[in-house]
Amino acid sequence: MPQPFPHNYSVGLFWKSGDDSELVSDQRTPIEGGPPPEFDGTDARWSPEHLLLAALAQCFMLTWIALN
């Protein structure tokens, strides 16, 4: 059952070292972040570009699930 409005979300971003970062939110598993390989990063961490595309993909999927 959906919760009543307003919906509030909190996210923390912590710099670790170099270009490494960590995203945290409540009890969720932390996400290691950093630049993609195209910007001298590594495939081992989530980039902002990957996170944006993942958010759009999940939103699209959940919308279709809700409509069925």
C-alpha atoms as a PDB file:
ATOM      1  CA  MET A   1       0.000   0.000   0.000  1.00  0.00           C
ATOM      2  CA  PRO A   2       1.504   3.366  -1.001  1.00  0.00           C
ATOM      3  CA  GLN A   3       2.388   5.769   1.765  1.00  0.00           C
ATOM      4  CA  PRO A   4       0.686   9.194   1.969  1.00  0.00           C
ATOM      5  CA  PHE A   5       2.459  12.306   0.701  1.00  0.00           C
ATOM      6  CA  PRO A   6       4.926  13.865   1.194  1.00  0.00           C
ATOM      7  CA  HIS A   7       7.572  11.257   0.407  1.00  0.00           C
ATOM      8  CA  ASN A   8      10.993  12.066   1.853  1.00  0.00           C
ATOM      9  CA  TYR A   9      14.286  10.487   0.811  1.00  0.00           C
ATOM     10  CA  SER A  10      17.743  11.006   2.251  1.00  0.00           C
ATOM     11  CA  VAL A  11      21.071  10.125   0.658  1.00  0.00           C
ATOM     12  CA  GLY A  12      24.582  10.770   1.886  1.00  0.00           C
ATOM     13  CA  LEU A  13      27.676  11.095  -0.282  1.00  0.00           C
ATOM     14  CA  PHE A  14      31.070  10.576   1.303  1.00  0.00           C
ATOM     15  CA  TRP A  15      34.424  11.214  -0.329  1.00  0.00           C
ATOM     16  CA  LYS A  16      36.807   8.348   0.365  1.00  0.00           C
ATOM     17  CA  SER A  17      40.038   9.183  -1.491  1.00  0.00           C
ATOM     18  CA  GLY A  18      41.120  10.261  -4.950  1.00  0.00           C
ATOM     19  CA  ASP A  19      37.972  10.018  -7.034  1.00  0.00           C
ATOM     20  CA  ASP A  20      36.333   7.282  -4.909  1.00  0.00           C
ATOM     21  CA  SER A  21      33.056   8.005  -3.161  1.00  0.00           C
ATOM     22  CA  GLU A  22      30.371   6.138  -1.250  1.00  0.00           C
ATOM     23  CA  LEU A  23      26.605   6.663  -1.420  1.00  0.00           C
ATOM     24  CA  VAL A  24      24.562   5.722   1.643  1.00  0.00           C
ATOM     25  CA  SER A  25      20.879   5.827   2.533  1.00  0.00           C
ATOM     26  CA  ASP A  26      19.409   4.574   5.797  1.00  0.00           C
ATOM     27  CA  GLN A  27      19.820   0.777   6.130  1.00  0.00           C
ATOM     28  CA  ARG A  28      20.567   0.162   2.453  1.00  0.00           C
ATOM     29  CA  THR A  29      23.823  -1.356   1.224  1.00  0.00           C
ATOM     30  CA  PRO A  30      26.347   1.415   0.429  1.00  0.00           C
ATOM     31  CA  ILE A  31      27.181   2.000  -3.239  1.00  0.00           C
ATOM     32  CA  GLU A  32      30.781   2.598  -4.310  1.00  0.00           C
ATOM     33  CA  GLY A  33      30.893   5.456  -6.794  1.00  0.00           C
ATOM     34  CA  GLY A  34      33.378   7.120  -9.074  1.00  0.00           C
ATOM     35  CA  PRO A  35      33.974   8.209 -12.636  1.00  0.00           C
ATOM     36  CA  PRO A  36      33.392   5.809 -15.542  1.00  0.00           C
ATOM     37  CA  PRO A  37      36.322   4.421 -17.556  1.00  0.00           C
ATOM     38  CA  GLU A  38      35.710   7.125 -20.179  1.00  0.00           C
ATOM     39  CA  PHE A  39      36.855   9.667 -17.567  1.00  0.00           C
ATOM     40  CA  ASP A  40      39.816   7.640 -16.219  1.00  0.00           C
ATOM     41  CA  GLY A  41      37.657   5.699 -13.752  1.00  0.00           C
ATOM     42  CA  THR A  42      37.121   1.984 -13.331  1.00  0.00           C
ATOM     43  CA  ASP A  43      34.348  -0.497 -14.082  1.00  0.00           C
ATOM     44  CA  ALA A  44      34.445  -1.587 -10.431  1.00  0.00           C
ATOM     45  CA  ARG A  45      32.342   1.395  -9.226  1.00  0.00           C
ATOM     46  CA  TRP A  46      28.997   2.902 -10.209  1.00  0.00           C
ATOM     47  CA  SER A  47      29.335   6.167 -12.147  1.00  0.00           C
ATOM     48  CA  PRO A  48      26.741   8.960 -12.102  1.00  0.00           C
ATOM     49  CA  GLU A  49      25.934   8.045 -15.702  1.00  0.00           C
ATOM     50  CA  HIS A  50      25.247   4.404 -14.776  1.00  0.00           C
ATOM     51  CA  LEU A  51      23.184   5.419 -11.739  1.00  0.00           C
ATOM     52  CA  LEU A  52      21.032   7.750 -13.851  1.00  0.00           C
ATOM     53  CA  LEU A  53      20.361   5.066 -16.465  1.00  0.00           C
ATOM     54  CA  ALA A  54      19.665   2.475 -13.748  1.00  0.00           C
ATOM     55  CA  ALA A  55      17.153   4.833 -12.089  1.00  0.00           C
ATOM     56  CA  LEU A  56      15.345   5.431 -15.383  1.00  0.00           C
ATOM     57  CA  ALA A  57      15.270   1.719 -16.215  1.00  0.00           C
ATOM     58  CA  GLN A  58      13.906   0.769 -12.803  1.00  0.00           C
ATOM     59  CA  CYS A  59      11.288   3.540 -12.889  1.00  0.00           C
ATOM     60  CA  PHE A  60      10.129   2.366 -16.328  1.00  0.00           C
ATOM     61  CA  MET A  61       9.956  -1.267 -15.152  1.00  0.00           C
ATOM     62  CA  LEU A  62       8.034  -0.420 -11.959  1.00  0.00           C
ATOM     63  CA  THR A  63       5.565   1.713 -13.942  1.00  0.00           C
ATOM     64  CA  TRP A  64       4.781  -1.253 -16.219  1.00  0.00           C
ATOM     65  CA  ILE A  65       4.401  -3.554 -13.206  1.00  0.00           C
ATOM     66  CA  ALA A  66       1.991  -1.086 -11.576  1.00  0.00           C
ATOM     67  CA  LEU A  67      -0.114  -0.900 -14.745  1.00  0.00           C
ATOM     68  CA  ASN A  68      -0.524  -4.679 -15.021  1.00  0.00           C
END
